[in-house]
Amino acid sequence: MKVLVVGSGGREHALAWSLARSNRLTELHAAPGNPGIASLASCHPVRAEDVASIAPLAGELGIDLVVVGPEAPLVAGLADELRHRGIAVFGPGAAAARIEGSKAFSKDVMDAAGVPTARSLAVARPPCVVKADGLAAGKGVWVCHTQAELDAGLRAAEALGQPFHVEELLEGEEVSIFALCDGARAVSLPAAQDYKRIGDGDEGPNTGGMGSYSPVPRLSDAEVEELADAVCAPVVAELARRGAPFAGVLFAGVMLTEEGPRVLEYNCRFGDPETQSLLPRLDGDLLDALEAAATGSLAGVKLAASGRAAVTIVIAGGEYPQRGDTGSPITGIEHAEASGALVFHAGTALHDGRLVTNGGRILNVTALGDSVAAARAAAYAAAAHIDFPGMQYRSDIAALSRA
């Protein structure tokens, strides 16, 4: 089977790594990919958001399955264009991708599906949460405990130039719930937790994600399945009722409050960096499962997780998230991998044959262990081998107080 992975980040490198392990894979391609993905796949210089170029590329390559990593091309209708050409694609069409592309649409679907979520507020008063309605690269949410934070959040939301809304601030532990969907069914995957803020102790501005781990110790496998049945399956059914079947992975950010689980938001794709902790834990053939979701045939499919835990540390540029880092030489990846860790490229490039930084989040270091604590120790030991000027990463990913 010939597969094309769309995207260029750590999530897409993890997807390529997992797909490359399938016995059914004959060719792996990526658009545009990155230097890490290039060790596994043939990379093509086409931007993920360039729908007009990716669809013809898939046809020219004779691709059997396209796996779309980021949300922007899905919201822009890439999956629709591919399906129109008769190419199977793991990822929802534009109508279903609105579950992430519009917070207002998502709220409407949740209300219709009976999924518990945060109440929208007519008047903005702290404590509350300000949310941009459309895509904002994971940075369109402002948690406001004080009036000063609310004022700053409202200014930032207005600066994006898109609608926004205000909702109640939910308290509790946040978990990432994933389900593979084929338009009618929702098959749960292991849960994960991520760390959104730049600094230790969840201080500082939001980022695209600074680390993750899986499993979530406080949730049993049965409880994870129950959550997916409660928050993913009803949305899949409601979208199908609206004539917008969801085929891909539905990702629910869920707050475990004292009153029960409440959905914070939905995403129409795998999480980043949760995917980097999730995929290495899975037993079975990911390619089989993604193809089944893409072709409406998930009945009987189950991707079991190994008993091992995984922890991912995101290594970012020194001025992230304000700005990225470009051109700084990177060393130590070979030593990190020699320790047994996986190193997924997120923002790298080759310059005169040398690996350099090329983004905000540069590398993801993932390690497995018999427990979250063991995986955490291995991940930090591996990350210590990597170096480039100004690099930063949090020191509390999967710390025992939270894990």
Protein backbone atom coordinates (compact mmCIF):
# COMPACT_ATOMS: atom_id res chain seq x y z
CA MET A 1 0.00 0.00 0.00
CA LYS A 2 1.25 3.49 -0.88
CA VAL A 3 0.66 6.10 1.82
CA LEU A 4 1.06 9.89 1.85
CA VAL A 5 1.40 11.69 5.19
CA VAL A 6 0.47 15.37 5.02
CA GLY A 7 2.32 17.70 7.41
CA SER A 8 5.77 18.55 8.69
CA GLY A 9 5.76 18.42 12.49
CA GLY A 10 6.50 16.02 15.31
CA ARG A 11 3.01 14.53 15.10
CA GLU A 12 3.55 13.69 11.43
CA HIS A 13 6.99 12.21 12.15
CA ALA A 14 5.36 9.97 14.78
CA LEU A 15 2.67 8.95 12.30
CA ALA A 16 5.28 8.17 9.64
CA TRP A 17 7.34 6.18 12.15
CA SER A 18 4.33 4.11 13.16
CA LEU A 19 3.08 3.57 9.59
CA ALA A 20 6.57 2.53 8.46
CA ARG A 21 6.34 -0.47 10.78
CA SER A 22 3.43 -1.97 8.81
CA ASN A 23 4.13 -5.05 6.70
CA ARG A 24 1.52 -3.81 4.22
CA LEU A 25 3.36 -0.57 3.45
CA THR A 26 5.10 -0.53 0.07
CA GLU A 27 5.82 3.20 -0.30
CA LEU A 28 5.71 6.06 2.20
CA HIS A 29 5.55 9.67 1.05
CA ALA A 30 5.23 12.97 2.91
CA ALA A 31 4.23 16.50 1.96
CA PRO A 32 6.23 18.41 2.90
CA GLY A 33 7.77 16.25 5.65
CA ASN A 34 10.94 17.19 7.53
CA PRO A 35 14.51 15.84 7.86
CA GLY A 36 13.38 13.21 10.38
CA ILE A 37 10.53 12.02 8.20
CA ALA A 38 12.92 11.95 5.23
CA SER A 39 14.70 8.98 6.80
CA LEU A 40 11.44 7.02 6.47
CA ALA A 41 9.66 8.51 3.46
CA SER A 42 10.08 10.33 0.17
CA CYS A 43 9.39 14.00 0.92
CA HIS A 44 7.77 16.37 -1.57
CA PRO A 45 8.06 20.19 -1.28
CA VAL A 46 4.33 20.88 -1.08
CA ARG A 47 2.87 22.77 1.87
CA ALA A 48 0.23 20.93 3.91
CA GLU A 49 -2.25 23.78 3.36
CA ASP A 50 -1.81 23.73 -0.43
CA VAL A 51 -4.93 21.72 -1.22
CA ALA A 52 -4.68 22.52 -4.92
CA SER A 53 -1.25 20.85 -5.11
CA ILE A 54 -1.55 17.97 -2.63
CA ALA A 55 -4.56 16.34 -4.28
CA PRO A 56 -2.88 16.10 -7.74
CA LEU A 57 0.36 14.93 -6.08
CA ALA A 58 -1.49 12.05 -4.44
CA GLY A 59 -2.95 11.09 -7.81
CA GLU A 60 0.40 11.26 -9.60
CA LEU A 61 2.04 9.05 -6.96
CA GLY A 62 -0.75 6.48 -7.09
CA ILE A 63 -1.41 6.90 -3.38
CA ASP A 64 -3.80 4.40 -1.78
CA LEU A 65 -4.27 6.27 1.52
CA VAL A 66 -3.63 9.88 2.55
CA VAL A 67 -3.13 10.51 6.27
CA VAL A 68 -3.64 14.19 7.12
CA GLY A 69 -1.83 15.42 10.24
CA PRO A 70 -2.71 19.12 10.78
CA GLU A 71 -6.12 20.70 11.11
CA ALA A 72 -5.80 23.58 8.62
CA PRO A 73 -5.90 21.48 5.41
CA LEU A 74 -8.85 19.49 6.78
CA VAL A 75 -10.82 22.65 7.54
CA ALA A 76 -9.88 23.89 4.06
CA GLY A 77 -11.42 20.81 2.44
CA LEU A 78 -8.41 18.67 1.50
CA ALA A 79 -10.21 15.43 2.40
CA ASP A 80 -13.16 16.40 0.21
CA GLU A 81 -10.91 17.04 -2.77
CA LEU A 82 -9.11 13.73 -2.31
CA ARG A 83 -12.34 11.76 -1.98
CA HIS A 84 -13.67 13.51 -5.08
CA ARG A 85 -10.66 12.04 -6.90
CA GLY A 86 -11.35 8.57 -5.51
CA ILE A 87 -8.45 8.56 -3.05
CA ALA A 88 -9.02 7.19 0.46
CA VAL A 89 -8.15 9.70 3.18
CA PHE A 90 -7.86 9.52 6.94
CA GLY A 91 -9.37 12.83 7.98
CA PRO A 92 -12.80 14.45 7.93
CA GLY A 93 -14.26 16.59 5.17
CA ALA A 94 -14.62 20.33 5.66
CA ALA A 95 -18.19 20.08 6.99
CA ALA A 96 -17.19 17.69 9.77
CA ALA A 97 -13.85 19.45 10.42
CA ARG A 98 -15.87 22.48 11.55
CA ILE A 99 -16.01 20.69 14.90
CA GLU A 100 -12.54 22.23 15.33
CA GLY A 101 -12.74 25.04 12.80
CA SER A 102 -15.61 26.83 14.58
CA LYS A 103 -16.18 26.89 18.34
CA ALA A 104 -19.74 28.12 17.75
CA PHE A 105 -20.49 25.15 15.48
CA SER A 106 -18.90 22.80 18.00
CA LYS A 107 -21.09 24.17 20.81
CA ASP A 108 -24.18 23.73 18.65
CA VAL A 109 -23.25 20.10 17.89
CA MET A 110 -22.56 19.38 21.56
CA ASP A 111 -25.91 20.84 22.58
CA ALA A 112 -27.72 18.73 19.98
CA ALA A 113 -25.77 15.60 20.94
CA GLY A 114 -26.29 16.07 24.68
CA VAL A 115 -22.56 16.31 25.44
CA PRO A 116 -21.77 18.20 28.67
CA THR A 117 -19.58 21.27 28.19
CA ALA A 118 -18.80 24.67 29.69
CA ARG A 119 -21.60 27.25 29.79
CA SER A 120 -21.26 30.23 27.47
CA LEU A 121 -21.35 33.57 29.29
CA ALA A 122 -23.23 36.61 28.00
CA VAL A 123 -21.09 38.94 30.13
CA ALA A 124 -17.32 38.59 30.46
CA ARG A 125 -16.38 38.49 34.16
CA PRO A 126 -13.44 36.68 35.76
CA PRO A 127 -12.95 33.84 36.32
CA CYS A 128 -13.72 32.82 32.74
CA VAL A 129 -12.18 31.58 29.51
CA VAL A 130 -11.95 33.56 26.26
CA LYS A 131 -11.87 31.42 23.12
CA ALA A 132 -11.29 32.38 19.51
CA ASP A 133 -13.92 30.83 17.27
CA GLY A 134 -11.59 29.66 14.50
CA LEU A 135 -8.18 28.04 14.18
CA ALA A 136 -5.36 29.65 16.14
CA ALA A 137 -2.57 27.03 16.15
CA GLY A 138 -3.37 26.00 19.71
CA LYS A 139 -3.00 29.55 21.00
CA GLY A 140 -6.59 30.84 20.79
CA VAL A 141 -7.58 30.24 24.43
CA TRP A 142 -7.06 32.65 27.33
CA VAL A 143 -7.74 31.51 30.90
CA CYS A 144 -8.64 34.60 32.93
CA HIS A 145 -8.63 34.47 36.72
CA THR A 146 -8.38 38.25 37.20
CA GLN A 147 -9.77 41.35 35.49
CA ALA A 148 -6.28 42.18 34.21
CA GLU A 149 -5.98 38.74 32.61
CA LEU A 150 -9.45 39.13 31.12
CA ASP A 151 -8.60 42.53 29.64
CA ALA A 152 -5.43 41.08 28.12
CA GLY A 153 -7.29 38.04 26.82
CA LEU A 154 -9.98 40.15 25.18
CA ARG A 155 -7.35 42.33 23.51
CA ALA A 156 -5.49 39.28 22.23
CA ALA A 157 -8.70 37.70 20.94
CA GLU A 158 -9.71 40.89 19.15
CA ALA A 159 -6.24 41.10 17.58
CA LEU A 160 -6.82 37.78 15.83
CA GLY A 161 -9.56 39.45 13.79
CA GLN A 162 -12.07 36.64 14.16
CA PRO A 163 -15.15 36.04 16.35
CA PHE A 164 -14.64 34.86 19.91
CA HIS A 165 -16.77 33.92 22.88
CA VAL A 166 -16.52 33.74 26.67
CA GLU A 167 -17.39 30.69 28.75
CA GLU A 168 -17.22 29.52 32.34
CA LEU A 169 -13.86 28.42 33.76
CA LEU A 170 -13.98 24.73 34.60
CA GLU A 171 -11.77 23.36 37.35
CA GLY A 172 -10.30 19.87 37.46
CA GLU A 173 -7.85 17.62 35.65
CA GLU A 174 -7.72 17.86 31.87
CA VAL A 175 -7.30 14.75 29.72
CA SER A 176 -7.06 14.14 25.98
CA ILE A 177 -9.53 11.54 24.69
CA PHE A 178 -9.13 10.09 21.19
CA ALA A 179 -11.41 7.95 19.05
CA LEU A 180 -10.90 6.55 15.57
CA CYS A 181 -14.07 7.23 13.57
CA ASP A 182 -15.38 5.87 10.27
CA GLY A 183 -18.41 8.13 9.87
CA ALA A 184 -20.62 5.97 12.07
CA ARG A 185 -18.48 4.29 14.72
CA ALA A 186 -16.06 5.64 17.32
CA VAL A 187 -13.30 3.31 18.59
CA SER A 188 -11.44 4.61 21.63
CA LEU A 189 -7.66 4.93 21.87
CA PRO A 190 -5.60 5.35 25.06
CA ALA A 191 -5.90 8.67 26.84
CA ALA A 192 -3.06 11.15 27.28
CA GLN A 193 -2.28 14.40 29.08
CA ASP A 194 -0.40 17.35 27.65
CA TYR A 195 1.18 20.53 28.99
CA LYS A 196 0.12 23.69 27.19
CA ARG A 197 2.01 26.48 28.95
CA ILE A 198 5.63 27.32 28.29
CA GLY A 199 6.92 27.25 31.87
CA ASP A 200 7.23 24.83 34.76
CA GLY A 201 4.21 24.74 37.01
CA ASP A 202 1.98 25.67 34.06
CA GLU A 203 3.23 29.26 34.11
CA GLY A 204 3.49 31.64 31.18
CA PRO A 205 1.70 31.84 27.83
CA ASN A 206 0.00 28.98 26.03
CA THR A 207 1.93 27.08 23.40
CA GLY A 208 1.20 24.34 20.89
CA GLY A 209 2.18 21.89 23.65
CA MET A 210 5.36 21.36 25.67
CA GLY A 211 5.07 17.67 26.54
CA SER A 212 2.74 14.76 27.13
CA TYR A 213 2.39 11.35 28.67
CA SER A 214 0.21 8.26 28.37
CA PRO A 215 -1.52 6.46 30.02
CA VAL A 216 -3.32 8.73 32.50
CA PRO A 217 -2.91 6.85 35.81
CA ARG A 218 -6.18 8.00 37.33
CA LEU A 219 -8.22 6.53 34.44
CA SER A 220 -8.63 2.79 33.86
CA ASP A 221 -8.94 1.43 30.33
CA ALA A 222 -12.65 0.91 30.95
CA GLU A 223 -13.08 4.51 32.11
CA VAL A 224 -11.31 5.79 28.99
CA GLU A 225 -13.71 3.76 26.83
CA GLU A 226 -16.66 5.12 28.80
CA LEU A 227 -15.44 8.68 28.24
CA ALA A 228 -15.05 8.09 24.49
CA ASP A 229 -18.55 6.60 24.39
CA ALA A 230 -19.90 9.64 26.25
CA VAL A 231 -18.14 12.47 24.42
CA CYS A 232 -17.06 11.14 20.99
CA ALA A 233 -19.75 8.67 19.89
CA PRO A 234 -22.68 11.14 20.26
CA VAL A 235 -20.84 13.79 18.22
CA VAL A 236 -20.06 11.30 15.46
CA ALA A 237 -23.75 10.35 15.38
CA GLU A 238 -24.88 14.00 15.33
CA LEU A 239 -22.47 14.90 12.51
CA ALA A 240 -23.70 11.92 10.50
CA ARG A 241 -27.29 13.07 11.09
CA ARG A 242 -26.34 16.46 9.64
CA GLY A 243 -24.90 14.85 6.52
CA ALA A 244 -21.30 15.52 7.60
CA PRO A 245 -19.87 12.08 8.48
CA PHE A 246 -16.64 12.22 10.46
CA ALA A 247 -13.92 9.84 9.23
CA GLY A 248 -10.61 10.28 10.99
CA VAL A 249 -9.65 10.80 14.61
CA LEU A 250 -11.88 12.84 16.92
CA PHE A 251 -9.90 14.38 19.78
CA ALA A 252 -11.80 15.70 22.79
CA GLY A 253 -10.18 17.86 25.43
CA VAL A 254 -12.07 16.87 28.58
CA MET A 255 -12.04 18.45 32.04
CA LEU A 256 -12.73 15.97 34.84
CA THR A 257 -14.71 18.21 37.19
CA GLU A 258 -16.35 17.36 40.51
CA GLU A 259 -19.68 17.39 38.66
CA GLY A 260 -18.41 14.95 36.01
CA PRO A 261 -16.57 15.21 32.69
CA ARG A 262 -17.05 18.37 30.61
CA VAL A 263 -15.76 18.83 27.07
CA LEU A 264 -13.52 21.87 26.61
CA GLU A 265 -13.14 21.53 22.84
CA TYR A 266 -12.92 19.10 19.96
CA ASN A 267 -10.14 18.71 17.43
CA CYS A 268 -10.47 16.99 14.07
CA ARG A 269 -6.98 15.42 14.11
CA PHE A 270 -4.43 13.76 16.37
CA GLY A 271 -2.99 15.92 19.15
CA ASP A 272 0.53 17.28 19.09
CA PRO A 273 2.46 16.26 21.23
CA GLU A 274 0.02 13.62 22.55
CA THR A 275 0.45 11.53 19.39
CA GLN A 276 4.15 11.17 20.09
CA SER A 277 3.31 9.50 23.42
CA LEU A 278 0.27 7.60 22.16
CA LEU A 279 1.50 5.82 19.02
CA PRO A 280 4.59 4.12 20.52
CA ARG A 281 2.27 2.44 23.06
CA LEU A 282 -0.03 0.87 20.48
CA ASP A 283 0.08 -2.80 19.56
CA GLY A 284 -1.17 -3.85 16.16
CA ASP A 285 -0.94 -2.30 12.72
CA LEU A 286 -1.77 1.43 12.65
CA LEU A 287 -2.06 1.37 8.86
CA ASP A 288 -4.82 -1.24 9.03
CA ALA A 289 -6.76 0.84 11.56
CA LEU A 290 -6.41 4.14 9.67
CA GLU A 291 -7.43 2.49 6.41
CA ALA A 292 -10.48 0.96 8.13
CA ALA A 293 -11.51 4.39 9.44
CA ALA A 294 -11.00 5.98 6.02
CA THR A 295 -13.10 3.33 4.26
CA GLY A 296 -15.98 3.09 6.75
CA SER A 297 -15.06 -0.34 8.02
CA LEU A 298 -13.99 0.01 11.67
CA ALA A 299 -16.32 -2.76 12.85
CA GLY A 300 -14.24 -5.21 14.85
CA VAL A 301 -11.10 -3.06 14.78
CA LYS A 302 -9.34 -2.37 18.07
CA LEU A 303 -5.87 -0.97 18.65
CA ALA A 304 -4.79 -2.27 22.04
CA ALA A 305 -2.17 -0.46 24.08
CA SER A 306 0.88 -2.14 25.53
CA GLY A 307 1.31 -2.12 29.28
CA ARG A 308 4.16 0.37 28.97
CA ALA A 309 3.98 4.11 29.55
CA ALA A 310 5.39 6.85 27.32
CA VAL A 311 6.55 10.38 28.09
CA THR A 312 7.34 13.07 25.49
CA ILE A 313 9.40 16.18 26.13
CA VAL A 314 9.19 19.06 23.66
CA ILE A 315 12.44 20.93 23.07
CA ALA A 316 11.75 24.46 21.86
CA GLY A 317 13.68 27.49 20.71
CA GLY A 318 14.76 30.00 23.32
CA GLU A 319 12.21 32.69 22.38
CA TYR A 320 9.26 30.35 21.79
CA PRO A 321 6.29 30.96 21.80
CA GLN A 322 6.92 34.62 20.90
CA ARG A 323 9.03 33.64 17.90
CA GLY A 324 10.80 30.66 16.40
CA ASP A 325 14.46 29.80 15.96
CA THR A 326 16.12 29.26 12.59
CA GLY A 327 19.58 28.18 11.56
CA SER A 328 21.01 27.07 14.91
CA PRO A 329 23.03 23.83 14.60
CA ILE A 330 21.58 20.86 16.52
CA THR A 331 23.75 18.18 18.10
CA GLY A 332 23.24 15.08 20.21
CA ILE A 333 20.26 13.43 18.53
CA GLU A 334 22.23 10.26 17.79
CA HIS A 335 23.22 9.96 21.46
CA ALA A 336 19.60 10.49 22.55
CA GLU A 337 18.43 7.75 20.18
CA ALA A 338 21.26 5.46 21.28
CA SER A 339 19.82 5.64 24.80
CA GLY A 340 16.67 3.98 23.50
CA ALA A 341 14.53 7.09 23.09
CA LEU A 342 12.64 8.16 19.99
CA VAL A 343 13.43 11.64 18.65
CA PHE A 344 10.70 13.13 16.48
CA HIS A 345 11.55 16.19 14.40
CA ALA A 346 9.11 19.09 14.75
CA GLY A 347 10.93 22.19 13.48
CA THR A 348 14.19 21.23 11.79
CA ALA A 349 15.85 21.73 8.42
CA LEU A 350 19.04 20.75 6.63
CA HIS A 351 21.48 23.52 5.75
CA ASP A 352 24.55 22.48 3.77
CA GLY A 353 24.01 18.95 5.03
CA ARG A 354 23.82 20.00 8.68
CA LEU A 355 20.71 19.73 10.85
CA VAL A 356 19.53 23.13 12.11
CA THR A 357 16.54 24.64 13.88
CA ASN A 358 13.58 25.78 11.79
CA GLY A 359 10.61 26.63 13.97
CA GLY A 360 9.30 27.14 17.49
CA ARG A 361 9.03 23.59 18.76
CA ILE A 362 12.16 21.92 17.41
CA LEU A 363 12.29 18.31 18.64
CA ASN A 364 10.19 15.85 20.63
CA VAL A 365 11.96 13.25 22.78
CA THR A 366 9.81 10.22 23.63
CA ALA A 367 10.78 7.36 25.92
CA LEU A 368 8.95 4.24 27.08
CA GLY A 369 9.06 2.64 30.51
CA ASP A 370 7.25 0.21 32.76
CA SER A 371 5.66 3.20 34.52
CA VAL A 372 5.14 6.89 33.84
CA ALA A 373 7.97 7.64 36.28
CA ALA A 374 10.37 5.27 34.50
CA ALA A 375 9.45 6.67 31.08
CA ARG A 376 9.89 10.19 32.42
CA ALA A 377 13.39 9.46 33.73
CA ALA A 378 14.40 7.90 30.40
CA ALA A 379 13.00 10.82 28.40
CA TYR A 380 14.85 13.43 30.43
CA ALA A 381 18.08 11.43 30.30
CA ALA A 382 17.79 11.30 26.51
CA ALA A 383 16.87 14.98 26.17
CA ALA A 384 20.01 15.92 28.10
CA HIS A 385 22.12 14.74 25.14
CA ILE A 386 20.58 17.26 22.74
CA ASP A 387 21.93 20.77 22.39
CA PHE A 388 21.47 23.92 20.36
CA PRO A 389 21.88 27.59 21.36
CA GLY A 390 19.09 28.88 23.61
CA MET A 391 17.10 25.64 23.68
CA GLN A 392 14.48 25.25 26.40
CA TYR A 393 12.20 22.56 27.75
CA ARG A 394 10.07 22.13 30.82
CA SER A 395 11.49 20.14 33.73
CA ASP A 396 8.13 18.98 35.12
CA ILE A 397 6.58 16.96 32.30
CA ALA A 398 4.85 13.92 33.84
CA ALA A 399 6.10 14.90 37.31
CA LEU A 400 4.78 12.50 39.94
CA SER A 401 2.66 15.18 41.58
CA ARG A 402 0.55 15.28 38.42
CA ALA A 403 1.21 11.87 36.86
